[in-house]
C-alpha atoms as a PDB file:
ATOM      1  CA  MET A   1       0.108  -0.199  -0.053  1.00  0.00           C
ATOM      2  CA  ASN A   2       1.382   3.149  -1.326  1.00  0.00           C
ATOM      3  CA  GLY A   3       1.571   6.354   0.664  1.00  0.00           C
ATOM      4  CA  PHE A   4       0.414   5.007   4.082  1.00  0.00           C
ATOM      5  CA  VAL A   5       1.162   6.051   7.455  1.00  0.00           C
ATOM      6  CA  ALA A   6       1.007   3.457  10.232  1.00  0.00           C
ATOM      7  CA  MET A   7      -0.480   4.896  13.604  1.00  0.00           C
ATOM      8  CA  ARG A   8      -1.765   3.443  16.754  1.00  0.00           C
ATOM      9  CA  GLN A   9      -5.167   4.039  18.404  1.00  0.00           C
ATOM     10  CA  TRP A  10      -6.715   2.429  21.077  1.00  0.00           C
ATOM     11  CA  THR A  11     -10.076   1.929  22.436  1.00  0.00           C
ATOM     12  CA  VAL A  12     -11.196   3.051  26.005  1.00  0.00           C
ATOM     13  CA  ASP A  13     -13.892   1.585  28.048  1.00  0.00           C
ATOM     14  CA  ALA A  14     -14.125   5.085  30.574  1.00  0.00           C
ATOM     15  CA  PHE A  15     -16.016   5.031  33.578  1.00  0.00           C
ATOM     16  CA  ALA A  16     -15.794   1.650  33.786  1.00  0.00           C
ATOM     17  CA  ALA A  17     -13.447  -0.925  35.723  1.00  0.00           C
ATOM     18  CA  GLU A  18     -14.101  -3.578  33.869  1.00  0.00           C
ATOM     19  CA  PRO A  19     -14.289  -4.275  29.271  1.00  0.00           C
ATOM     20  CA  PHE A  20     -18.025  -3.359  27.952  1.00  0.00           C
ATOM     21  CA  ARG A  21     -19.102  -0.921  30.424  1.00  0.00           C
ATOM     22  CA  GLY A  22     -19.108   2.508  30.472  1.00  0.00           C
ATOM     23  CA  ASN A  23     -18.503   4.749  27.382  1.00  0.00           C
ATOM     24  CA  PRO A  24     -15.762   3.653  24.665  1.00  0.00           C
ATOM     25  CA  ALA A  25     -13.734   5.859  23.049  1.00  0.00           C
ATOM     26  CA  CYS A  26     -10.993   5.820  20.433  1.00  0.00           C
ATOM     27  CA  VAL A  27      -7.519   7.441  21.134  1.00  0.00           C
ATOM     28  CA  VAL A  28      -5.108   8.437  18.272  1.00  0.00           C
ATOM     29  CA  GLU A  29      -1.568   8.392  19.520  1.00  0.00           C
ATOM     30  CA  PRO A  30      -0.327  12.345  20.239  1.00  0.00           C
ATOM     31  CA  LEU A  31       0.587  13.595  16.925  1.00  0.00           C
ATOM     32  CA  ASP A  32       3.179  16.348  15.730  1.00  0.00           C
ATOM     33  CA  ALA A  33       0.627  18.708  14.178  1.00  0.00           C
ATOM     34  CA  TRP A  34      -3.007  18.741  13.978  1.00  0.00           C
ATOM     35  CA  PRO A  35      -4.492  16.903  10.903  1.00  0.00           C
ATOM     36  CA  ALA A  36      -7.120  18.560   8.506  1.00  0.00           C
ATOM     37  CA  PRO A  37     -10.357  18.749  10.582  1.00  0.00           C
ATOM     38  CA  ALA A  38     -12.090  17.043   7.944  1.00  0.00           C
ATOM     39  CA  ARG A  39      -9.710  13.820   8.397  1.00  0.00           C
ATOM     40  CA  MET A  40     -10.110  13.898  11.858  1.00  0.00           C
ATOM     41  CA  GLN A  41     -13.979  14.119  11.298  1.00  0.00           C
ATOM     42  CA  ALA A  42     -13.563  11.413   8.720  1.00  0.00           C
ATOM     43  CA  LEU A  43     -11.754   8.963  11.050  1.00  0.00           C
ATOM     44  CA  ALA A  44     -14.318   9.866  13.774  1.00  0.00           C
ATOM     45  CA  ALA A  45     -17.493   8.662  11.591  1.00  0.00           C
ATOM     46  CA  GLU A  46     -15.078   5.516  10.424  1.00  0.00           C
ATOM     47  CA  ASN A  47     -14.759   4.488  14.172  1.00  0.00           C
ATOM     48  CA  ASN A  48     -18.501   5.348  14.880  1.00  0.00           C
ATOM     49  CA  GLN A  49     -17.989   5.857  18.674  1.00  0.00           C
ATOM     50  CA  ALA A  50     -19.259   8.274  20.686  1.00  0.00           C
ATOM     51  CA  GLU A  51     -15.712   9.988  20.371  1.00  0.00           C
ATOM     52  CA  THR A  52     -12.207   9.954  18.641  1.00  0.00           C
ATOM     53  CA  ALA A  53     -10.097  11.754  20.644  1.00  0.00           C
ATOM     54  CA  PHE A  54      -6.976  13.275  18.858  1.00  0.00           C
ATOM     55  CA  LEU A  55      -3.833  14.543  21.125  1.00  0.00           C
ATOM     56  CA  LEU A  56      -1.279  17.024  19.961  1.00  0.00           C
ATOM     57  CA  LYS A  57       2.184  16.903  21.470  1.00  0.00           C
ATOM     58  CA  GLY A  58       3.948  20.328  23.394  1.00  0.00           C
ATOM     59  CA  SER A  59       6.918  20.592  24.709  1.00  0.00           C
ATOM     60  CA  ASP A  60       5.978  19.548  27.911  1.00  0.00           C
ATOM     61  CA  PRO A  61       6.270  15.870  28.407  1.00  0.00           C
ATOM     62  CA  ALA A  62       3.030  16.295  30.838  1.00  0.00           C
ATOM     63  CA  ARG A  63       0.822  19.152  28.683  1.00  0.00           C
ATOM     64  CA  PHE A  64      -0.822  18.509  25.365  1.00  0.00           C
ATOM     65  CA  SER A  65      -3.541  19.895  22.800  1.00  0.00           C
ATOM     66  CA  LEU A  66      -6.962  17.710  22.538  1.00  0.00           C
ATOM     67  CA  ARG A  67      -9.798  17.933  20.586  1.00  0.00           C
ATOM     68  CA  TRP A  68     -12.848  15.507  20.335  1.00  0.00           C
ATOM     69  CA  PHE A  69     -14.964  14.506  17.353  1.00  0.00           C
ATOM     70  CA  THR A  70     -18.641  12.642  17.246  1.00  0.00           C
ATOM     71  CA  PRO A  71     -18.937  10.776  14.247  1.00  0.00           C
ATOM     72  CA  THR A  72     -20.780  13.998  12.723  1.00  0.00           C
ATOM     73  CA  VAL A  73     -19.035  16.824  14.526  1.00  0.00           C
ATOM     74  CA  GLU A  74     -16.451  18.134  16.560  1.00  0.00           C
ATOM     75  CA  VAL A  75     -17.394  19.061  20.110  1.00  0.00           C
ATOM     76  CA  PRO A  76     -16.320  21.579  22.732  1.00  0.00           C
ATOM     77  CA  LEU A  77     -16.043  19.420  25.553  1.00  0.00           C
ATOM     78  CA  CYS A  78     -16.175  15.611  26.353  1.00  0.00           C
ATOM     79  CA  GLY A  79     -15.607  13.833  29.427  1.00  0.00           C
ATOM     80  CA  HIS A  80     -15.139  10.332  28.664  1.00  0.00           C
ATOM     81  CA  ALA A  81     -12.958  10.996  26.088  1.00  0.00           C
ATOM     82  CA  THR A  82     -10.827  13.178  28.357  1.00  0.00           C
ATOM     83  CA  LEU A  83     -10.573  10.064  30.772  1.00  0.00           C
ATOM     84  CA  ALA A  84      -9.312   7.797  28.068  1.00  0.00           C
ATOM     85  CA  SER A  85      -6.758  10.111  26.475  1.00  0.00           C
ATOM     86  CA  ALA A  86      -5.386  10.222  30.050  1.00  0.00           C
ATOM     87  CA  HIS A  87      -5.418   6.251  30.600  1.00  0.00           C
ATOM     88  CA  VAL A  88      -3.586   5.944  27.024  1.00  0.00           C
ATOM     89  CA  LEU A  89      -0.901   8.308  28.222  1.00  0.00           C
ATOM     90  CA  PHE A  90      -0.532   6.796  31.565  1.00  0.00           C
ATOM     91  CA  GLU A  91      -1.118   3.078  30.981  1.00  0.00           C
ATOM     92  CA  GLU A  92      -0.054   2.501  27.441  1.00  0.00           C
ATOM     93  CA  LEU A  93       2.241   5.345  26.532  1.00  0.00           C
ATOM     94  CA  ASP A  94       3.940   5.439  30.015  1.00  0.00           C
ATOM     95  CA  VAL A  95       3.943   9.127  30.535  1.00  0.00           C
ATOM     96  CA  GLU A  96       5.341   9.437  34.218  1.00  0.00           C
ATOM     97  CA  THR A  97       3.326  11.817  35.879  1.00  0.00           C
ATOM     98  CA  ASP A  98       0.568  12.221  38.152  1.00  0.00           C
ATOM     99  CA  SER A  99      -1.456  14.389  36.410  1.00  0.00           C
ATOM    100  CA  VAL A 100      -1.506  15.316  32.690  1.00  0.00           C
ATOM    101  CA  THR A 101      -2.837  18.890  31.424  1.00  0.00           C
ATOM    102  CA  PHE A 102      -5.015  18.877  28.336  1.00  0.00           C
ATOM    103  CA  GLU A 103      -5.281  22.461  26.299  1.00  0.00           C
ATOM    104  CA  THR A 104      -8.885  22.492  24.904  1.00  0.00           C
ATOM    105  CA  ARG A 105     -11.854  24.883  23.494  1.00  0.00           C
ATOM    106  CA  SER A 106     -13.070  24.552  26.743  1.00  0.00           C
ATOM    107  CA  GLY A 107      -9.956  25.766  28.745  1.00  0.00           C
ATOM    108  CA  PRO A 108      -6.900  23.856  30.581  1.00  0.00           C
ATOM    109  CA  LEU A 109      -8.259  20.240  32.100  1.00  0.00           C
ATOM    110  CA  VAL A 110      -6.359  18.928  34.570  1.00  0.00           C
ATOM    111  CA  VAL A 111      -6.429  14.838  35.081  1.00  0.00           C
ATOM    112  CA  GLY A 112      -5.030  12.976  37.729  1.00  0.00           C
ATOM    113  CA  ARG A 113      -4.296   9.457  38.871  1.00  0.00           C
ATOM    114  CA  ALA A 114      -6.821   8.504  41.810  1.00  0.00           C
ATOM    115  CA  GLY A 115      -6.557   5.403  43.581  1.00  0.00           C
ATOM    116  CA  ALA A 116      -7.297   2.605  40.862  1.00  0.00           C
ATOM    117  CA  GLY A 117      -8.888   5.283  38.522  1.00  0.00           C
ATOM    118  CA  TYR A 118      -8.852   9.005  37.705  1.00  0.00           C
ATOM    119  CA  ALA A 119      -9.510  12.360  38.247  1.00  0.00           C
ATOM    120  CA  MET A 120     -10.904  15.256  35.921  1.00  0.00           C
ATOM    121  CA  ASP A 121     -10.733  18.867  37.179  1.00  0.00           C
ATOM    122  CA  PHE A 122     -13.801  20.400  34.712  1.00  0.00           C
ATOM    123  CA  PRO A 123     -15.409  24.166  34.602  1.00  0.00           C
ATOM    124  CA  ALA A 124     -18.561  24.098  36.311  1.00  0.00           C
ATOM    125  CA  ASP A 125     -22.064  24.887  34.570  1.00  0.00           C
ATOM    126  CA  PRO A 126     -24.794  25.170  36.550  1.00  0.00           C
ATOM    127  CA  PRO A 127     -27.996  25.236  34.800  1.00  0.00           C
ATOM    128  CA  ARG A 128     -30.947  27.674  35.276  1.00  0.00           C
ATOM    129  CA  GLN A 129     -34.360  26.320  35.555  1.00  0.00           C
ATOM    130  CA  VAL A 130     -36.847  27.107  32.710  1.00  0.00           C
ATOM    131  CA  GLU A 131     -40.466  26.412  31.599  1.00  0.00           C
ATOM    132  CA  VAL A 132     -40.969  22.972  30.582  1.00  0.00           C
ATOM    133  CA  PRO A 133     -40.157  23.177  26.281  1.00  0.00           C
ATOM    134  CA  PRO A 134     -43.099  22.598  24.206  1.00  0.00           C
ATOM    135  CA  GLY A 135     -43.005  18.840  22.958  1.00  0.00           C
ATOM    136  CA  LEU A 136     -40.399  17.940  25.499  1.00  0.00           C
ATOM    137  CA  ALA A 137     -42.396  15.859  27.706  1.00  0.00           C
ATOM    138  CA  ALA A 138     -43.930  13.868  24.188  1.00  0.00           C
ATOM    139  CA  ALA A 139     -40.370  13.508  23.386  1.00  0.00           C
ATOM    140  CA  LEU A 140     -39.179  11.914  26.375  1.00  0.00           C
ATOM    141  CA  GLY A 141     -42.217   9.953  26.856  1.00  0.00           C
ATOM    142  CA  ALA A 142     -42.211  11.177  30.139  1.00  0.00           C
ATOM    143  CA  GLU A 143     -43.872  14.571  32.166  1.00  0.00           C
ATOM    144  CA  PRO A 144     -40.513  16.163  33.956  1.00  0.00           C
ATOM    145  CA  LEU A 145     -40.689  17.391  37.624  1.00  0.00           C
ATOM    146  CA  GLU A 146     -38.277  20.036  36.384  1.00  0.00           C
ATOM    147  CA  VAL A 147     -36.455  21.293  33.516  1.00  0.00           C
ATOM    148  CA  TRP A 148     -33.413  23.273  33.661  1.00  0.00           C
ATOM    149  CA  ALA A 149     -30.614  24.446  30.975  1.00  0.00           C
ATOM    150  CA  ALA A 150     -27.347  25.093  30.456  1.00  0.00           C
ATOM    151  CA  GLN A 151     -25.148  23.809  27.732  1.00  0.00           C
ATOM    152  CA  TYR A 152     -27.887  20.973  27.757  1.00  0.00           C
ATOM    153  CA  LEU A 153     -31.178  20.477  28.866  1.00  0.00           C
ATOM    154  CA  VAL A 154     -32.024  18.772  32.344  1.00  0.00           C
ATOM    155  CA  ALA A 155     -34.922  17.135  32.867  1.00  0.00           C
ATOM    156  CA  VAL A 156     -35.725  16.053  36.094  1.00  0.00           C
ATOM    157  CA  LEU A 157     -37.823  13.288  36.493  1.00  0.00           C
ATOM    158  CA  ARG A 158     -39.759  11.200  39.632  1.00  0.00           C
ATOM    159  CA  SER A 159     -38.025   8.569  40.074  1.00  0.00           C
ATOM    160  CA  GLU A 160     -34.948   5.746  39.077  1.00  0.00           C
ATOM    161  CA  GLU A 161     -37.676   3.637  37.687  1.00  0.00           C
ATOM    162  CA  ALA A 162     -38.645   6.247  35.420  1.00  0.00           C
ATOM    163  CA  VAL A 163     -35.386   7.083  34.265  1.00  0.00           C
ATOM    164  CA  ARG A 164     -34.199   3.580  33.537  1.00  0.00           C
ATOM    165  CA  THR A 165     -37.308   2.716  31.568  1.00  0.00           C
ATOM    166  CA  LEU A 166     -37.508   5.936  29.561  1.00  0.00           C
ATOM    167  CA  ALA A 167     -37.876   5.209  25.880  1.00  0.00           C
ATOM    168  CA  PRO A 168     -37.766   8.536  24.144  1.00  0.00           C
ATOM    169  CA  ASP A 169     -38.604   9.280  20.539  1.00  0.00           C
ATOM    170  CA  ILE A 170     -34.677  10.850  19.733  1.00  0.00           C
ATOM    171  CA  ALA A 171     -36.391  12.341  15.979  1.00  0.00           C
ATOM    172  CA  ALA A 172     -37.991  14.235  18.614  1.00  0.00           C
ATOM    173  CA  LEU A 173     -35.387  15.347  21.299  1.00  0.00           C
ATOM    174  CA  ALA A 174     -33.255  15.895  18.178  1.00  0.00           C
ATOM    175  CA  ARG A 175     -35.284  19.255  17.992  1.00  0.00           C
ATOM    176  CA  MET A 176     -35.431  19.598  21.349  1.00  0.00           C
ATOM    177  CA  GLY A 177     -33.771  23.007  23.268  1.00  0.00           C
ATOM    178  CA  SER A 178     -33.357  26.017  24.668  1.00  0.00           C
ATOM    179  CA  ALA A 179     -32.331  30.116  24.475  1.00  0.00           C
ATOM    180  CA  ALA A 180     -29.634  28.539  26.690  1.00  0.00           C
ATOM    181  CA  SER A 181     -28.396  24.684  25.505  1.00  0.00           C
ATOM    182  CA  ARG A 182     -27.443  23.245  21.765  1.00  0.00           C
ATOM    183  CA  PRO A 183     -30.390  21.617  20.373  1.00  0.00           C
ATOM    184  CA  GLY A 184     -30.894  17.899  20.689  1.00  0.00           C
ATOM    185  CA  ASN A 185     -28.360  17.334  24.116  1.00  0.00           C
ATOM    186  CA  VAL A 186     -30.842  16.352  26.677  1.00  0.00           C
ATOM    187  CA  GLY A 187     -30.072  14.821  29.703  1.00  0.00           C
ATOM    188  CA  VAL A 188     -32.628  13.296  32.319  1.00  0.00           C
ATOM    189  CA  ALA A 189     -32.003  12.441  35.722  1.00  0.00           C
ATOM    190  CA  ALA A 190     -33.878  11.457  39.275  1.00  0.00           C
ATOM    191  CA  LEU A 191     -32.787  10.775  42.893  1.00  0.00           C
ATOM    192  CA  ALA A 192     -31.436   7.091  43.336  1.00  0.00           C
ATOM    193  CA  ALA A 193     -33.717   4.761  44.573  1.00  0.00           C
ATOM    194  CA  ALA A 194     -33.194   3.917  48.576  1.00  0.00           C
ATOM    195  CA  GLY A 195     -30.547   2.030  48.900  1.00  0.00           C
ATOM    196  CA  SER A 196     -28.973   1.885  45.986  1.00  0.00           C
ATOM    197  CA  ALA A 197     -25.127   2.654  45.870  1.00  0.00           C
ATOM    198  CA  TYR A 198     -25.411   5.861  44.278  1.00  0.00           C
ATOM    199  CA  ASP A 199     -26.807   9.127  44.821  1.00  0.00           C
ATOM    200  CA  VAL A 200     -28.135  10.051  41.245  1.00  0.00           C
ATOM    201  CA  VAL A 201     -29.066   7.590  38.280  1.00  0.00           C
ATOM    202  CA  SER A 202     -29.114   9.679  34.497  1.00  0.00           C
ATOM    203  CA  ARG A 203     -29.100   9.301  30.967  1.00  0.00           C
ATOM    204  CA  PHE A 204     -28.111  11.292  28.111  1.00  0.00           C
ATOM    205  CA  PHE A 205     -29.466  11.941  24.609  1.00  0.00           C
ATOM    206  CA  ALA A 206     -27.520  13.380  21.786  1.00  0.00           C
ATOM    207  CA  PRO A 207     -28.995  13.236  18.779  1.00  0.00           C
ATOM    208  CA  GLY A 208     -27.915  16.853  18.247  1.00  0.00           C
ATOM    209  CA  SER A 209     -24.330  15.300  17.761  1.00  0.00           C
ATOM    210  CA  GLY A 210     -24.538  12.430  16.148  1.00  0.00           C
ATOM    211  CA  ILE A 211     -25.133   9.696  19.258  1.00  0.00           C
ATOM    212  CA  PRO A 212     -28.626   8.739  19.834  1.00  0.00           C
ATOM    213  CA  GLU A 213     -27.858   7.839  23.600  1.00  0.00           C
ATOM    214  CA  ASP A 214     -24.673   8.240  25.255  1.00  0.00           C
ATOM    215  CA  PRO A 215     -22.932   5.406  27.435  1.00  0.00           C
ATOM    216  CA  ALA A 216     -21.538   8.059  29.939  1.00  0.00           C
ATOM    217  CA  THR A 217     -21.086  11.337  29.526  1.00  0.00           C
ATOM    218  CA  GLY A 218     -18.502  13.315  31.903  1.00  0.00           C
ATOM    219  CA  SER A 219     -19.566  16.933  30.766  1.00  0.00           C
ATOM    220  CA  TYR A 220     -23.159  16.219  31.856  1.00  0.00           C
ATOM    221  CA  CYS A 221     -22.128  16.110  35.154  1.00  0.00           C
ATOM    222  CA  CYS A 222     -20.708  19.766  34.547  1.00  0.00           C
ATOM    223  CA  LEU A 223     -24.561  20.479  34.892  1.00  0.00           C
ATOM    224  CA  VAL A 224     -25.792  17.817  37.149  1.00  0.00           C
ATOM    225  CA  ALA A 225     -23.115  17.779  39.689  1.00  0.00           C
ATOM    226  CA  PRO A 226     -23.928  21.349  41.148  1.00  0.00           C
ATOM    227  CA  LEU A 227     -27.676  20.503  40.572  1.00  0.00           C
ATOM    228  CA  PHE A 228     -27.841  17.557  42.558  1.00  0.00           C
ATOM    229  CA  ALA A 229     -25.210  18.888  45.131  1.00  0.00           C
ATOM    230  CA  ALA A 230     -27.519  21.960  45.782  1.00  0.00           C
ATOM    231  CA  LYS A 231     -30.516  19.711  46.091  1.00  0.00           C
ATOM    232  CA  ILE A 232     -28.905  16.809  48.188  1.00  0.00           C
ATOM    233  CA  GLY A 233     -26.906  19.241  50.745  1.00  0.00           C
ATOM    234  CA  ARG A 234     -23.848  17.630  50.137  1.00  0.00           C
ATOM    235  CA  ALA A 235     -21.052  18.492  47.690  1.00  0.00           C
ATOM    236  CA  ARG A 236     -19.742  14.657  46.698  1.00  0.00           C
ATOM    237  CA  LEU A 237     -22.263  12.262  45.161  1.00  0.00           C
ATOM    238  CA  ALA A 238     -22.186   9.020  43.227  1.00  0.00           C
ATOM    239  CA  PHE A 239     -23.580   9.168  39.856  1.00  0.00           C
ATOM    240  CA  HIS A 240     -24.758   6.144  37.703  1.00  0.00           C
ATOM    241  CA  GLN A 241     -25.581   6.300  33.942  1.00  0.00           C
ATOM    242  CA  ALA A 242     -28.356   4.289  33.226  1.00  0.00           C
ATOM    243  CA  TYR A 243     -27.403   3.066  29.487  1.00  0.00           C
ATOM    244  CA  PRO A 244     -29.278  -0.053  28.521  1.00  0.00           C
ATOM    245  CA  GLY A 245     -26.879  -3.016  28.866  1.00  0.00           C
ATOM    246  CA  ARG A 246     -24.039  -1.323  29.894  1.00  0.00           C
ATOM    247  CA  GLY A 247     -24.331   1.330  32.706  1.00  0.00           C
ATOM    248  CA  ALA A 248     -21.336   3.709  33.880  1.00  0.00           C
ATOM    249  CA  ASP A 249     -20.315   5.008  37.270  1.00  0.00           C
ATOM    250  CA  LEU A 250     -18.985   8.568  38.157  1.00  0.00           C
ATOM    251  CA  LEU A 251     -17.689  10.266  41.263  1.00  0.00           C
ATOM    252  CA  CYS A 252     -18.329  13.817  41.126  1.00  0.00           C
ATOM    253  CA  GLU A 253     -17.705  16.728  43.622  1.00  0.00           C
ATOM    254  CA  ASP A 254     -18.888  20.280  43.264  1.00  0.00           C
ATOM    255  CA  ARG A 255     -16.627  22.754  43.697  1.00  0.00           C
ATOM    256  CA  GLY A 256     -18.310  25.870  42.853  1.00  0.00           C
ATOM    257  CA  ALA A 257     -16.223  27.054  39.477  1.00  0.00           C
ATOM    258  CA  ARG A 258     -15.180  23.360  39.118  1.00  0.00           C
ATOM    259  CA  VAL A 259     -16.475  20.007  39.058  1.00  0.00           C
ATOM    260  CA  LEU A 260     -13.826  17.064  39.816  1.00  0.00           C
ATOM    261  CA  ILE A 261     -14.957  13.767  38.052  1.00  0.00           C
ATOM    262  CA  GLY A 262     -13.758  10.369  38.797  1.00  0.00           C
ATOM    263  CA  GLY A 263     -14.156   7.090  37.337  1.00  0.00           C
ATOM    264  CA  ALA A 264     -11.866   4.093  36.119  1.00  0.00           C
ATOM    265  CA  ALA A 265     -10.960   2.965  32.480  1.00  0.00           C
ATOM    266  CA  VAL A 266      -9.631   0.036  31.128  1.00  0.00           C
ATOM    267  CA  THR A 267      -8.436  -0.517  27.476  1.00  0.00           C
ATOM    268  CA  VAL A 268     -10.448  -3.085  25.048  1.00  0.00           C
ATOM    269  CA  ALA A 269      -8.305  -2.833  21.928  1.00  0.00           C
ATOM    270  CA  ALA A 270      -4.974  -1.194  20.523  1.00  0.00           C
ATOM    271  CA  ALA A 271      -4.992  -0.925  16.613  1.00  0.00           C
ATOM    272  CA  LYS A 272      -2.637   0.164  14.010  1.00  0.00           C
ATOM    273  CA  LEU A 273      -4.012   2.747  11.272  1.00  0.00           C
ATOM    274  CA  ARG A 274      -2.931   2.485   7.767  1.00  0.00           C
ATOM    275  CA  ILE A 275      -3.995   5.870   6.881  1.00  0.00           C
ATOM    276  CA  ALA A 276      -2.428   9.255   6.485  1.00  0.00           C
ATOM    277  CA  LEU A 277      -3.840  11.840   8.656  1.00  0.00           C
END
């Protein structure tokens, strides 16, 4: 094959302690220069995972630039692919630091080792309460108790069971948004059932970003961590994202302007790309 360039790529299940849980992300090995955005978008579409992460080397071995692409669009912030990127640097590429910093469209993001997993320092995005948008209840197939908005819509439901059994109309959700939120990115959440090992159960639907339902959404915690910290009266909360058949566990701490988001990650595949980016 003439002109191919061999590059490595890893698939990582983020916010999971074992394979086939959490949210898969593809992470391309750190590059010396950014490829054309169309090439990065094409690879993300080929991978067909919720996110493909691209890293750019810097002069500091613990500092990288980071971009995220869904199969259809570049996004300004992604939690699970940031966690996956840090995991690749620490576990696959043997970066010998306790933390790494990613320069992103959402500012610097620091990820450090934390026990058997990692902790990410993200910007908080506290939502404001809004009127229920017309058509949202019908699109969800459930009547929200409250609706909040920031970069995403957040529909608070009556129970964990309501979250788990939700079967929304994805095409209708793609049209949902508010003046403050990006269309087609809608999360649901509720207080966990009594006796659960977590405080809040959630799901996240992102047809506006080319993802019908996301298995684990770190950036969603930038909204729901401060929201439910205020409701529960405690800064540290355990979230379970109840994607059918997988499930993901995220530990969050509301720190005012920032949110700490923790979780584990596991590599499930290593590949060699035979393309020129």
